Amino acid sequence: VAVIGHSRLGKTAVWAGASDPRFALVISGNSGCCGVAISRRC
């Protein structure tokens, strides 16, 4: 099962994949800050 979301829901999909190891594959669509983008870059 691949979990996918876009924008704020991209952030959601990444956290779902990180917190629930049952998801076999994670797709981050434009998740940005608080998703996969480095926060310290500002």
PDB file of all heavy atoms in Angstrom:
ATOM      1  N   VAL A   1       0.854  -1.181   0.000  1.00  0.00           N
ATOM      2  CA  VAL A   1       0.000   0.000   0.000  1.00  0.00           C
ATOM      3  C   VAL A   1       0.892   1.233   0.000  1.00  0.00           C
ATOM      4  O   VAL A   1       1.737   1.406   0.876  1.00  0.00           O
ATOM      5  CB  VAL A   1      -0.957   0.028   1.208  1.00  0.00           C
ATOM      6  CG1 VAL A   1      -1.741   1.342   1.249  1.00  0.00           C
ATOM      7  CG2 VAL A   1      -1.925  -1.154   1.137  1.00  0.00           C
ATOM      8  N   ALA A   2       0.718   2.082  -1.005  1.00  0.00           N
ATOM      9  CA  ALA A   2       1.452   3.335  -1.112  1.00  0.00           C
ATOM     10  C   ALA A   2       0.567   4.466  -0.626  1.00  0.00           C
ATOM     11  O   ALA A   2      -0.595   4.571  -1.028  1.00  0.00           O
ATOM     12  CB  ALA A   2       1.875   3.593  -2.554  1.00  0.00           C
ATOM     13  N   VAL A   3       1.095   5.325   0.227  1.00  0.00           N
ATOM     14  CA  VAL A   3       0.330   6.434   0.768  1.00  0.00           C
ATOM     15  C   VAL A   3       0.765   7.710   0.052  1.00  0.00           C
ATOM     16  O   VAL A   3       1.953   7.960  -0.154  1.00  0.00           O
ATOM     17  CB  VAL A   3       0.521   6.531   2.299  1.00  0.00           C
ATOM     18  CG1 VAL A   3       1.951   6.839   2.667  1.00  0.00           C
ATOM     19  CG2 VAL A   3      -0.415   7.558   2.917  1.00  0.00           C
ATOM     20  N   ILE A   4      -0.213   8.528  -0.377  1.00  0.00           N
ATOM     21  CA  ILE A   4       0.083   9.693  -1.193  1.00  0.00           C
ATOM     22  C   ILE A   4      -0.789  10.868  -0.781  1.00  0.00           C
ATOM     23  O   ILE A   4      -1.962  10.713  -0.425  1.00  0.00           O
ATOM     24  CB  ILE A   4      -0.114   9.382  -2.704  1.00  0.00           C
ATOM     25  CG1 ILE A   4       0.160  10.627  -3.549  1.00  0.00           C
ATOM     26  CG2 ILE A   4      -1.515   8.824  -2.985  1.00  0.00           C
ATOM     27  CD1 ILE A   4       0.173  10.355  -5.045  1.00  0.00           C
ATOM     28  N   GLY A   5      -0.192  12.065  -0.832  1.00  0.00           N
ATOM     29  CA  GLY A   5      -0.919  13.296  -0.589  1.00  0.00           C
ATOM     30  C   GLY A   5      -0.179  14.455  -1.237  1.00  0.00           C
ATOM     31  O   GLY A   5       1.001  14.348  -1.590  1.00  0.00           O
ATOM     32  N   HIS A   6      -0.868  15.578  -1.369  1.00  0.00           N
ATOM     33  CA  HIS A   6      -0.307  16.765  -2.027  1.00  0.00           C
ATOM     34  C   HIS A   6      -0.411  17.974  -1.120  1.00  0.00           C
ATOM     35  O   HIS A   6      -1.407  18.162  -0.408  1.00  0.00           O
ATOM     36  CB  HIS A   6      -1.060  17.019  -3.341  1.00  0.00           C
ATOM     37  CG  HIS A   6      -0.816  18.367  -3.939  1.00  0.00           C
ATOM     38  ND1 HIS A   6       0.415  18.772  -4.411  1.00  0.00           N
ATOM     39  CD2 HIS A   6      -1.637  19.417  -4.121  1.00  0.00           C
ATOM     40  CE1 HIS A   6       0.334  19.999  -4.871  1.00  0.00           C
ATOM     41  NE2 HIS A   6      -0.904  20.424  -4.695  1.00  0.00           N
ATOM     42  N   SER A   7       0.630  18.833  -1.125  1.00  0.00           N
ATOM     43  CA  SER A   7       0.641  20.085  -0.376  1.00  0.00           C
ATOM     44  C   SER A   7       0.519  19.807   1.122  1.00  0.00           C
ATOM     45  O   SER A   7       1.310  19.027   1.660  1.00  0.00           O
ATOM     46  CB  SER A   7      -0.471  21.001  -0.888  1.00  0.00           C
ATOM     47  OG  SER A   7      -0.336  22.297  -0.386  1.00  0.00           O
ATOM     48  N   ARG A   8      -0.452  20.399   1.815  1.00  0.00           N
ATOM     49  CA  ARG A   8      -0.628  20.098   3.234  1.00  0.00           C
ATOM     50  C   ARG A   8      -0.926  18.620   3.437  1.00  0.00           C
ATOM     51  O   ARG A   8      -0.583  18.053   4.481  1.00  0.00           O
ATOM     52  CB  ARG A   8      -1.737  20.968   3.823  1.00  0.00           C
ATOM     53  CG  ARG A   8      -3.150  20.670   3.343  1.00  0.00           C
ATOM     54  CD  ARG A   8      -4.138  21.785   3.679  1.00  0.00           C
ATOM     55  NE  ARG A   8      -3.838  22.983   2.909  1.00  0.00           N
ATOM     56  CZ  ARG A   8      -4.523  24.124   3.029  1.00  0.00           C
ATOM     57  NH1 ARG A   8      -5.535  24.211   3.865  1.00  0.00           N
ATOM     58  NH2 ARG A   8      -4.186  25.179   2.297  1.00  0.00           N
ATOM     59  N   LEU A   9      -1.540  17.999   2.440  1.00  0.00           N
ATOM     60  CA  LEU A   9      -1.804  16.569   2.530  1.00  0.00           C
ATOM     61  C   LEU A   9      -0.579  15.762   2.111  1.00  0.00           C
ATOM     62  O   LEU A   9      -0.513  14.562   2.384  1.00  0.00           O
ATOM     63  CB  LEU A   9      -3.039  16.212   1.696  1.00  0.00           C
ATOM     64  CG  LEU A   9      -4.322  16.928   2.152  1.00  0.00           C
ATOM     65  CD1 LEU A   9      -5.531  16.460   1.347  1.00  0.00           C
ATOM     66  CD2 LEU A   9      -4.579  16.705   3.649  1.00  0.00           C
ATOM     67  N   GLY A  10       0.387  16.388   1.444  1.00  0.00           N
ATOM     68  CA  GLY A  10       1.702  15.773   1.266  1.00  0.00           C
ATOM     69  C   GLY A  10       2.428  15.681   2.593  1.00  0.00           C
ATOM     70  O   GLY A  10       3.057  14.669   2.902  1.00  0.00           O
ATOM     71  N   LYS A  11       2.354  16.735   3.398  1.00  0.00           N
ATOM     72  CA  LYS A  11       2.898  16.698   4.753  1.00  0.00           C
ATOM     73  C   LYS A  11       2.229  15.554   5.532  1.00  0.00           C
ATOM     74  O   LYS A  11       2.882  14.822   6.277  1.00  0.00           O
ATOM     75  CB  LYS A  11       2.646  18.018   5.467  1.00  0.00           C
ATOM     76  CG  LYS A  11       3.079  19.272   4.747  1.00  0.00           C
ATOM     77  CD  LYS A  11       2.791  20.533   5.563  1.00  0.00           C
ATOM     78  CE  LYS A  11       2.655  21.778   4.717  1.00  0.00           C
ATOM     79  NZ  LYS A  11       3.836  22.177   3.999  1.00  0.00           N
ATOM     80  N   THR A  12       0.921  15.439   5.332  1.00  0.00           N
ATOM     81  CA  THR A  12       0.153  14.409   6.024  1.00  0.00           C
ATOM     82  C   THR A  12       0.617  13.013   5.626  1.00  0.00           C
ATOM     83  O   THR A  12       0.816  12.145   6.478  1.00  0.00           O
ATOM     84  CB  THR A  12      -1.347  14.569   5.709  1.00  0.00           C
ATOM     85  OG1 THR A  12      -1.801  15.860   6.148  1.00  0.00           O
ATOM     86  CG2 THR A  12      -2.168  13.490   6.379  1.00  0.00           C
ATOM     87  N   ALA A  13       0.781  12.792   4.313  1.00  0.00           N
ATOM     88  CA  ALA A  13       1.186  11.468   3.837  1.00  0.00           C
ATOM     89  C   ALA A  13       2.567  11.083   4.357  1.00  0.00           C
ATOM     90  O   ALA A  13       2.803   9.923   4.716  1.00  0.00           O
ATOM     91  CB  ALA A  13       1.165  11.431   2.302  1.00  0.00           C
ATOM     92  N   VAL A  14       3.483  12.054   4.413  1.00  0.00           N
ATOM     93  CA  VAL A  14       4.825  11.762   4.912  1.00  0.00           C
ATOM     94  C   VAL A  14       4.772  11.389   6.393  1.00  0.00           C
ATOM     95  O   VAL A  14       5.432  10.435   6.831  1.00  0.00           O
ATOM     96  CB  VAL A  14       5.764  12.953   4.677  1.00  0.00           C
ATOM     97  CG1 VAL A  14       7.128  12.697   5.322  1.00  0.00           C
ATOM     98  CG2 VAL A  14       5.952  13.199   3.176  1.00  0.00           C
ATOM     99  N   TRP A  15       3.983  12.128   7.186  1.00  0.00           N
ATOM    100  CA  TRP A  15       3.864  11.787   8.592  1.00  0.00           C
ATOM    101  C   TRP A  15       3.166  10.435   8.783  1.00  0.00           C
ATOM    102  O   TRP A  15       3.540   9.642   9.646  1.00  0.00           O
ATOM    103  CB  TRP A  15       3.129  12.874   9.370  1.00  0.00           C
ATOM    104  CG  TRP A  15       2.980  12.563  10.840  1.00  0.00           C
ATOM    105  CD1 TRP A  15       1.828  12.490  11.561  1.00  0.00           C
ATOM    106  CD2 TRP A  15       4.032  12.286  11.776  1.00  0.00           C
ATOM    107  NE1 TRP A  15       2.072  12.190  12.876  1.00  0.00           N
ATOM    108  CE2 TRP A  15       3.434  12.044  13.032  1.00  0.00           C
ATOM    109  CE3 TRP A  15       5.423  12.194  11.672  1.00  0.00           C
ATOM    110  CZ2 TRP A  15       4.177  11.743  14.179  1.00  0.00           C
ATOM    111  CZ3 TRP A  15       6.165  11.872  12.809  1.00  0.00           C
ATOM    112  CH2 TRP A  15       5.543  11.655  14.037  1.00  0.00           C
ATOM    113  N   ALA A  16       2.173  10.149   7.954  1.00  0.00           N
ATOM    114  CA  ALA A  16       1.517   8.842   8.019  1.00  0.00           C
ATOM    115  C   ALA A  16       2.522   7.727   7.758  1.00  0.00           C
ATOM    116  O   ALA A  16       2.554   6.714   8.464  1.00  0.00           O
ATOM    117  CB  ALA A  16       0.364   8.779   7.011  1.00  0.00           C
ATOM    118  N   GLY A  17       3.358   7.918   6.733  1.00  0.00           N
ATOM    119  CA  GLY A  17       4.366   6.914   6.422  1.00  0.00           C
ATOM    120  C   GLY A  17       5.433   6.791   7.490  1.00  0.00           C
ATOM    121  O   GLY A  17       5.918   5.691   7.772  1.00  0.00           O
ATOM    122  N   ALA A  18       5.804   7.915   8.099  1.00  0.00           N
ATOM    123  CA  ALA A  18       6.822   7.895   9.147  1.00  0.00           C
ATOM    124  C   ALA A  18       6.314   7.262  10.428  1.00  0.00           C
ATOM    125  O   ALA A  18       7.053   6.552  11.118  1.00  0.00           O
ATOM    126  CB  ALA A  18       7.307   9.320   9.425  1.00  0.00           C
ATOM    127  N   SER A  19       5.066   7.496  10.774  1.00  0.00           N
ATOM    128  CA  SER A  19       4.515   7.035  12.047  1.00  0.00           C
ATOM    129  C   SER A  19       3.850   5.671  11.960  1.00  0.00           C
ATOM    130  O   SER A  19       3.621   5.038  12.994  1.00  0.00           O
ATOM    131  CB  SER A  19       3.513   8.064  12.595  1.00  0.00           C
ATOM    132  OG  SER A  19       2.454   8.307  11.665  1.00  0.00           O
ATOM    133  N   ASP A  20       3.537   5.206  10.755  1.00  0.00           N
ATOM    134  CA  ASP A  20       2.879   3.909  10.582  1.00  0.00           C
ATOM    135  C   ASP A  20       3.673   3.073   9.582  1.00  0.00           C
ATOM    136  O   ASP A  20       3.550   3.269   8.369  1.00  0.00           O
ATOM    137  CB  ASP A  20       1.438   4.100  10.102  1.00  0.00           C
ATOM    138  CG  ASP A  20       0.619   2.809  10.143  1.00  0.00           C
ATOM    139  OD1 ASP A  20       1.219   1.713  10.157  1.00  0.00           O
ATOM    140  OD2 ASP A  20      -0.630   2.906  10.162  1.00  0.00           O
ATOM    141  N   PRO A  21       4.477   2.133  10.056  1.00  0.00           N
ATOM    142  CA  PRO A  21       5.349   1.353   9.162  1.00  0.00           C
ATOM    143  C   PRO A  21       4.611   0.380   8.259  1.00  0.00           C
ATOM    144  O   PRO A  21       5.241  -0.267   7.414  1.00  0.00           O
ATOM    145  CB  PRO A  21       6.272   0.610  10.137  1.00  0.00           C
ATOM    146  CG  PRO A  21       5.494   0.537  11.420  1.00  0.00           C
ATOM    147  CD  PRO A  21       4.687   1.793  11.477  1.00  0.00           C
ATOM    148  N   ARG A  22       3.287   0.270   8.390  1.00  0.00           N
ATOM    149  CA  ARG A  22       2.534  -0.614   7.511  1.00  0.00           C
ATOM    150  C   ARG A  22       2.495  -0.099   6.075  1.00  0.00           C
ATOM    151  O   ARG A  22       2.320  -0.889   5.145  1.00  0.00           O
ATOM    152  CB  ARG A  22       1.104  -0.792   8.024  1.00  0.00           C
ATOM    153  CG  ARG A  22       0.992  -1.534   9.340  1.00  0.00           C
ATOM    154  CD  ARG A  22      -0.470  -1.625   9.793  1.00  0.00           C
ATOM    155  NE  ARG A  22      -1.055  -0.317  10.046  1.00  0.00           N
ATOM    156  CZ  ARG A  22      -2.348  -0.109  10.303  1.00  0.00           C
ATOM    157  NH1 ARG A  22      -3.181  -1.122  10.337  1.00  0.00           N
ATOM    158  NH2 ARG A  22      -2.804   1.115  10.522  1.00  0.00           N
ATOM    159  N   PHE A  23       2.668   1.209   5.884  1.00  0.00           N
ATOM    160  CA  PHE A  23       2.673   1.754   4.535  1.00  0.00           C
ATOM    161  C   PHE A  23       3.992   1.400   3.864  1.00  0.00           C
ATOM    162  O   PHE A  23       5.069   1.742   4.351  1.00  0.00           O
ATOM    163  CB  PHE A  23       2.455   3.263   4.559  1.00  0.00           C
ATOM    164  CG  PHE A  23       1.100   3.654   5.073  1.00  0.00           C
ATOM    165  CD1 PHE A  23       0.963   4.396   6.236  1.00  0.00           C
ATOM    166  CD2 PHE A  23      -0.043   3.263   4.407  1.00  0.00           C
ATOM    167  CE1 PHE A  23      -0.290   4.747   6.717  1.00  0.00           C
ATOM    168  CE2 PHE A  23      -1.303   3.609   4.886  1.00  0.00           C
ATOM    169  CZ  PHE A  23      -1.431   4.347   6.033  1.00  0.00           C
ATOM    170  N   ALA A  24       3.902   0.738   2.716  1.00  0.00           N
ATOM    171  CA  ALA A  24       5.092   0.192   2.061  1.00  0.00           C
ATOM    172  C   ALA A  24       5.835   1.216   1.228  1.00  0.00           C
ATOM    173  O   ALA A  24       7.017   1.029   0.921  1.00  0.00           O
ATOM    174  CB  ALA A  24       4.707  -1.001   1.183  1.00  0.00           C
ATOM    175  N   LEU A  25       5.181   2.292   0.830  1.00  0.00           N
ATOM    176  CA  LEU A  25       5.783   3.293  -0.037  1.00  0.00           C
ATOM    177  C   LEU A  25       5.101   4.621   0.262  1.00  0.00           C
ATOM    178  O   LEU A  25       3.902   4.673   0.520  1.00  0.00           O
ATOM    179  CB  LEU A  25       5.612   2.895  -1.505  1.00  0.00           C
ATOM    180  CG  LEU A  25       6.315   3.686  -2.591  1.00  0.00           C
ATOM    181  CD1 LEU A  25       6.642   2.785  -3.779  1.00  0.00           C
ATOM    182  CD2 LEU A  25       5.465   4.856  -3.084  1.00  0.00           C
ATOM    183  N   VAL A  26       5.879   5.703   0.214  1.00  0.00           N
ATOM    184  CA  VAL A  26       5.372   7.033   0.554  1.00  0.00           C
ATOM    185  C   VAL A  26       5.612   7.963  -0.616  1.00  0.00           C
ATOM    186  O   VAL A  26       6.694   7.969  -1.208  1.00  0.00           O
ATOM    187  CB  VAL A  26       6.064   7.585   1.821  1.00  0.00           C
ATOM    188  CG1 VAL A  26       5.570   9.002   2.128  1.00  0.00           C
ATOM    189  CG2 VAL A  26       5.819   6.660   3.016  1.00  0.00           C
ATOM    190  N   ILE A  27       4.605   8.779  -0.946  1.00  0.00           N
ATOM    191  CA  ILE A  27       4.737   9.765  -2.015  1.00  0.00           C
ATOM    192  C   ILE A  27       4.434  11.139  -1.456  1.00  0.00           C
ATOM    193  O   ILE A  27       3.340  11.403  -0.962  1.00  0.00           O
ATOM    194  CB  ILE A  27       3.799   9.445  -3.193  1.00  0.00           C
ATOM    195  CG1 ILE A  27       4.154   8.078  -3.794  1.00  0.00           C
ATOM    196  CG2 ILE A  27       3.895  10.537  -4.255  1.00  0.00           C
ATOM    197  CD1 ILE A  27       3.189   7.598  -4.850  1.00  0.00           C
ATOM    198  N   SER A  28       5.425  12.016  -1.546  1.00  0.00           N
ATOM    199  CA  SER A  28       5.312  13.401  -1.096  1.00  0.00           C
ATOM    200  C   SER A  28       5.119  14.310  -2.287  1.00  0.00           C
ATOM    201  O   SER A  28       6.051  14.530  -3.064  1.00  0.00           O
ATOM    202  CB  SER A  28       6.573  13.801  -0.321  1.00  0.00           C
ATOM    203  OG  SER A  28       6.686  15.211  -0.202  1.00  0.00           O
ATOM    204  N   GLY A  29       3.924  14.855  -2.439  1.00  0.00           N
ATOM    205  CA  GLY A  29       3.653  15.791  -3.513  1.00  0.00           C
ATOM    206  C   GLY A  29       3.727  17.222  -3.014  1.00  0.00           C
ATOM    207  O   GLY A  29       2.832  17.680  -2.307  1.00  0.00           O
ATOM    208  N   ASN A  30       4.828  17.916  -3.343  1.00  0.00           N
ATOM    209  CA  ASN A  30       4.984  19.335  -3.009  1.00  0.00           C
ATOM    210  C   ASN A  30       4.688  19.599  -1.528  1.00  0.00           C
ATOM    211  O   ASN A  30       3.972  20.543  -1.180  1.00  0.00           O
ATOM    212  CB  ASN A  30       4.062  20.188  -3.876  1.00  0.00           C
ATOM    213  CG  ASN A  30       4.187  19.905  -5.366  1.00  0.00           C
ATOM    214  OD1 ASN A  30       3.247  19.434  -5.982  1.00  0.00           O
ATOM    215  ND2 ASN A  30       5.340  20.182  -5.934  1.00  0.00           N
ATOM    216  N   SER A  31       5.259  18.803  -0.656  1.00  0.00           N
ATOM    217  CA  SER A  31       4.958  18.903   0.776  1.00  0.00           C
ATOM    218  C   SER A  31       5.620  20.093   1.445  1.00  0.00           C
ATOM    219  O   SER A  31       5.145  20.559   2.487  1.00  0.00           O
ATOM    220  CB  SER A  31       5.329  17.602   1.493  1.00  0.00           C
ATOM    221  OG  SER A  31       6.723  17.367   1.439  1.00  0.00           O
ATOM    222  N   GLY A  32       6.720  20.601   0.909  1.00  0.00           N
ATOM    223  CA  GLY A  32       7.319  21.841   1.366  1.00  0.00           C
ATOM    224  C   GLY A  32       7.738  21.851   2.821  1.00  0.00           C
ATOM    225  O   GLY A  32       8.090  20.835   3.414  1.00  0.00           O
ATOM    226  N   CYS A  33       7.695  23.068   3.407  1.00  0.00           N
ATOM    227  CA  CYS A  33       8.050  23.254   4.805  1.00  0.00           C
ATOM    228  C   CYS A  33       7.129  22.426   5.690  1.00  0.00           C
ATOM    229  O   CYS A  33       5.927  22.339   5.454  1.00  0.00           O
ATOM    230  CB  CYS A  33       7.929  24.729   5.173  1.00  0.00           C
ATOM    231  SG  CYS A  33       8.328  25.140   6.878  1.00  0.00           S
ATOM    232  N   CYS A  34       7.714  21.806   6.694  1.00  0.00           N
ATOM    233  CA  CYS A  34       6.979  20.911   7.596  1.00  0.00           C
ATOM    234  C   CYS A  34       6.608  19.599   6.915  1.00  0.00           C
ATOM    235  O   CYS A  34       5.957  18.746   7.513  1.00  0.00           O
ATOM    236  CB  CYS A  34       5.738  21.569   8.192  1.00  0.00           C
ATOM    237  SG  CYS A  34       6.016  23.207   8.889  1.00  0.00           S
ATOM    238  N   GLY A  35       7.033  19.465   5.651  1.00  0.00           N
ATOM    239  CA  GLY A  35       6.950  18.193   4.951  1.00  0.00           C
ATOM    240  C   GLY A  35       8.353  17.636   4.842  1.00  0.00           C
ATOM    241  O   GLY A  35       8.947  17.243   5.831  1.00  0.00           O
ATOM    242  N   VAL A  36       8.912  17.639   3.617  1.00  0.00           N
ATOM    243  CA  VAL A  36      10.267  17.121   3.441  1.00  0.00           C
ATOM    244  C   VAL A  36      11.304  18.217   3.241  1.00  0.00           C
ATOM    245  O   VAL A  36      12.504  17.931   3.218  1.00  0.00           O
ATOM    246  CB  VAL A  36      10.343  16.112   2.270  1.00  0.00           C
ATOM    247  CG1 VAL A  36       9.384  14.943   2.495  1.00  0.00           C
ATOM    248  CG2 VAL A  36      10.044  16.794   0.935  1.00  0.00           C
ATOM    249  N   ALA A  37      10.882  19.474   3.075  1.00  0.00           N
ATOM    250  CA  ALA A  37      11.836  20.562   2.860  1.00  0.00           C
ATOM    251  C   ALA A  37      12.544  20.940   4.156  1.00  0.00           C
ATOM    252  O   ALA A  37      11.919  20.976   5.227  1.00  0.00           O
ATOM    253  CB  ALA A  37      11.140  21.787   2.275  1.00  0.00           C
ATOM    254  N   ILE A  38      13.815  21.255   4.064  1.00  0.00           N
ATOM    255  CA  ILE A  38      14.619  21.620   5.229  1.00  0.00           C
ATOM    256  C   ILE A  38      14.096  22.916   5.849  1.00  0.00           C
ATOM    257  O   ILE A  38      14.074  23.963   5.205  1.00  0.00           O
ATOM    258  CB  ILE A  38      16.101  21.775   4.838  1.00  0.00           C
ATOM    259  CG1 ILE A  38      16.665  20.449   4.308  1.00  0.00           C
ATOM    260  CG2 ILE A  38      16.918  22.282   6.023  1.00  0.00           C
ATOM    261  CD1 ILE A  38      16.635  19.310   5.307  1.00  0.00           C
ATOM    262  N   SER A  39      13.689  22.872   7.103  1.00  0.00           N
ATOM    263  CA  SER A  39      13.119  24.048   7.767  1.00  0.00           C
ATOM    264  C   SER A  39      14.147  25.150   7.974  1.00  0.00           C
ATOM    265  O   SER A  39      13.832  26.343   7.882  1.00  0.00           O
ATOM    266  CB  SER A  39      12.507  23.647   9.114  1.00  0.00           C
ATOM    267  OG  SER A  39      11.428  22.759   8.940  1.00  0.00           O
ATOM    268  N   ARG A  40      15.390  24.776   8.266  1.00  0.00           N
ATOM    269  CA  ARG A  40      16.435  25.757   8.562  1.00  0.00           C
ATOM    270  C   ARG A  40      16.793  26.625   7.361  1.00  0.00           C
ATOM    271  O   ARG A  40      17.470  27.643   7.529  1.00  0.00           O
ATOM    272  CB  ARG A  40      17.677  25.052   9.113  1.00  0.00           C
ATOM    273  CG  ARG A  40      17.554  24.643  10.584  1.00  0.00           C
ATOM    274  CD  ARG A  40      18.697  23.727  10.999  1.00  0.00           C
ATOM    275  NE  ARG A  40      18.768  23.504  12.445  1.00  0.00           N
ATOM    276  CZ  ARG A  40      18.008  22.698  13.130  1.00  0.00           C
ATOM    277  NH1 ARG A  40      17.078  21.957  12.470  1.00  0.00           N
ATOM    278  NH2 ARG A  40      18.132  22.556  14.436  1.00  0.00           N
ATOM    279  N   ARG A  41      16.358  26.270   6.174  1.00  0.00           N
ATOM    280  CA  ARG A  41      16.593  27.116   5.016  1.00  0.00           C
ATOM    281  C   ARG A  41      15.722  28.371   5.059  1.00  0.00           C
ATOM    282  O   ARG A  41      16.084  29.385   4.468  1.00  0.00           O
ATOM    283  CB  ARG A  41      16.328  26.345   3.720  1.00  0.00           C
ATOM    284  CG  ARG A  41      17.473  25.476   3.288  1.00  0.00           C
ATOM    285  CD  ARG A  41      17.164  24.687   2.029  1.00  0.00           C
ATOM    286  NE  ARG A  41      16.526  25.456   0.974  1.00  0.00           N
ATOM    287  CZ  ARG A  41      17.139  26.298   0.135  1.00  0.00           C
ATOM    288  NH1 ARG A  41      18.455  26.489   0.262  1.00  0.00           N
ATOM    289  NH2 ARG A  41      16.468  26.945  -0.794  1.00  0.00           N
ATOM    290  N   CYS A  42      14.586  28.311   5.703  1.00  0.00           N
ATOM    291  CA  CYS A  42      13.700  29.480   5.810  1.00  0.00           C
ATOM    292  C   CYS A  42      13.426  30.083   4.435  1.00  0.00           C
ATOM    293  O   CYS A  42      13.471  31.309   4.245  1.00  0.00           O
ATOM    294  CB  CYS A  42      14.295  30.534   6.742  1.00  0.00           C
ATOM    295  SG  CYS A  42      14.618  29.946   8.421  1.00  0.00           S
TER     296      CYS A  42
END
